N, C-alpha and C. Protein backbone atom coordinates (compact mmCIF):
# COMPACT_ATOMS: atom_id res chain seq x y z
N MET A 1 -65.48 31.27 -35.49
CA MET A 1 -64.38 30.67 -35.26
C MET A 1 -63.17 31.21 -35.97
N ASN A 2 -63.63 31.46 -37.28
CA ASN A 2 -62.50 31.76 -37.92
C ASN A 2 -61.83 33.12 -37.73
N TYR A 3 -62.34 34.02 -36.88
CA TYR A 3 -62.07 35.30 -36.89
C TYR A 3 -61.26 35.27 -35.53
N LEU A 4 -61.48 34.17 -34.70
CA LEU A 4 -60.42 34.41 -33.39
C LEU A 4 -59.25 35.00 -33.68
N SER A 5 -58.64 35.39 -32.55
CA SER A 5 -57.16 35.72 -32.53
C SER A 5 -56.39 34.88 -31.95
N ALA A 6 -55.19 35.18 -31.99
CA ALA A 6 -54.00 34.11 -31.29
C ALA A 6 -54.31 33.76 -29.77
N GLY A 7 -54.88 35.07 -29.26
CA GLY A 7 -54.87 35.15 -27.73
C GLY A 7 -56.43 34.99 -27.29
N ASP A 8 -57.43 34.57 -28.16
CA ASP A 8 -58.63 34.64 -27.99
C ASP A 8 -59.03 32.94 -27.47
N ASP A 9 -59.73 32.81 -26.47
CA ASP A 9 -59.98 31.31 -26.00
C ASP A 9 -61.14 31.01 -27.20
N VAL A 10 -61.03 29.61 -27.44
CA VAL A 10 -61.78 28.83 -28.27
C VAL A 10 -63.29 28.43 -27.80
N ARG A 11 -63.32 28.77 -26.40
CA ARG A 11 -64.60 28.11 -25.75
C ARG A 11 -65.58 29.42 -25.89
N THR A 12 -65.13 30.42 -26.34
CA THR A 12 -65.97 31.45 -26.17
C THR A 12 -66.54 31.38 -27.67
N ALA A 13 -66.31 30.49 -28.23
CA ALA A 13 -66.84 30.40 -29.97
C ALA A 13 -68.10 29.48 -29.90
N TYR A 14 -68.27 28.64 -28.74
CA TYR A 14 -69.29 27.76 -28.92
C TYR A 14 -70.25 28.06 -27.40
N ASP A 15 -71.50 27.43 -27.56
CA ASP A 15 -72.21 27.31 -26.52
C ASP A 15 -71.62 25.80 -25.72
N ASP A 16 -72.17 25.74 -24.38
CA ASP A 16 -71.81 24.70 -23.61
C ASP A 16 -72.12 23.31 -24.12
N VAL A 17 -73.27 22.88 -24.82
CA VAL A 17 -73.73 21.97 -25.53
C VAL A 17 -72.78 21.54 -26.50
N ARG A 18 -72.49 22.66 -27.47
CA ARG A 18 -71.60 22.17 -28.56
C ARG A 18 -70.07 22.01 -28.06
N PHE A 19 -69.79 22.63 -27.15
CA PHE A 19 -68.32 22.61 -26.94
C PHE A 19 -68.16 21.30 -26.24
N SER A 20 -68.98 20.90 -25.51
CA SER A 20 -69.05 19.44 -24.90
C SER A 20 -68.97 18.48 -25.83
N ARG A 21 -69.87 18.43 -26.82
CA ARG A 21 -70.01 17.58 -27.85
C ARG A 21 -68.85 17.65 -28.67
N LEU A 22 -68.23 18.59 -29.03
CA LEU A 22 -66.85 18.54 -29.72
C LEU A 22 -65.58 18.11 -29.04
N ALA A 23 -65.52 18.49 -27.51
CA ALA A 23 -64.76 18.02 -26.71
C ALA A 23 -64.96 16.19 -26.73
N GLY A 24 -65.87 15.70 -26.61
CA GLY A 24 -66.29 14.41 -26.72
C GLY A 24 -65.73 13.62 -28.23
N ILE A 25 -66.04 14.26 -29.12
CA ILE A 25 -65.40 14.14 -30.26
C ILE A 25 -63.91 13.79 -30.37
N LYS A 26 -63.13 14.74 -30.10
CA LYS A 26 -61.94 15.11 -29.94
C LYS A 26 -61.28 13.81 -29.00
N ALA A 27 -62.08 13.37 -28.04
CA ALA A 27 -61.40 12.57 -27.10
C ALA A 27 -61.35 11.27 -27.92
N LYS A 28 -62.52 10.97 -28.45
CA LYS A 28 -62.48 9.81 -29.33
C LYS A 28 -61.58 9.64 -30.56
N TYR A 29 -61.37 10.53 -31.46
CA TYR A 29 -60.47 10.61 -32.75
C TYR A 29 -59.20 11.21 -32.44
N ASP A 30 -58.80 12.07 -31.49
CA ASP A 30 -57.66 12.55 -31.34
C ASP A 30 -57.29 12.67 -29.75
N PRO A 31 -57.14 11.30 -28.94
CA PRO A 31 -57.23 11.33 -27.43
C PRO A 31 -56.02 11.96 -26.93
N TYR A 32 -54.84 11.94 -27.91
CA TYR A 32 -53.72 12.73 -27.48
C TYR A 32 -53.20 13.76 -27.78
N ASN A 33 -54.30 14.72 -28.40
CA ASN A 33 -54.14 15.69 -28.77
C ASN A 33 -53.31 16.28 -30.10
N LEU A 34 -53.12 15.31 -30.69
CA LEU A 34 -51.79 15.64 -31.71
C LEU A 34 -52.24 16.74 -32.31
N PHE A 35 -53.43 17.12 -32.82
CA PHE A 35 -53.79 18.08 -33.64
C PHE A 35 -54.17 19.17 -32.95
N ARG A 36 -53.55 20.00 -32.53
CA ARG A 36 -53.68 21.08 -31.42
C ARG A 36 -53.20 22.43 -31.69
N PHE A 37 -52.83 22.55 -33.01
CA PHE A 37 -52.01 24.11 -33.37
C PHE A 37 -52.67 25.25 -33.73
N ASN A 38 -54.07 25.02 -34.15
CA ASN A 38 -55.01 26.09 -34.46
C ASN A 38 -55.85 26.40 -33.12
N GLN A 39 -57.19 26.43 -33.67
CA GLN A 39 -58.00 26.61 -32.21
C GLN A 39 -58.32 25.38 -31.61
N ASN A 40 -57.47 25.04 -30.80
CA ASN A 40 -57.48 23.76 -30.08
C ASN A 40 -58.69 23.59 -29.37
N ILE A 41 -59.38 22.44 -29.25
CA ILE A 41 -60.42 22.03 -28.24
C ILE A 41 -59.87 20.76 -27.62
N ALA A 42 -59.41 20.99 -26.30
CA ALA A 42 -58.74 19.75 -25.77
C ALA A 42 -59.70 18.57 -25.43
N PRO A 43 -59.34 17.37 -25.66
CA PRO A 43 -60.20 16.17 -25.38
C PRO A 43 -60.73 16.27 -24.17
N ALA A 44 -61.80 15.52 -23.97
CA ALA A 44 -62.65 15.40 -23.00
C ALA A 44 -62.30 14.44 -21.99
């Protein structure tokens, strides 16, 4: 995750289970996606 470039997709850093878990957490704690500037995971 720390070695992704600006053009890389953050989705490639995680498998399906982890990515969906992280997206669910993001939806719970940041539903309006205010913290979106680094390697962003969009809320589920």
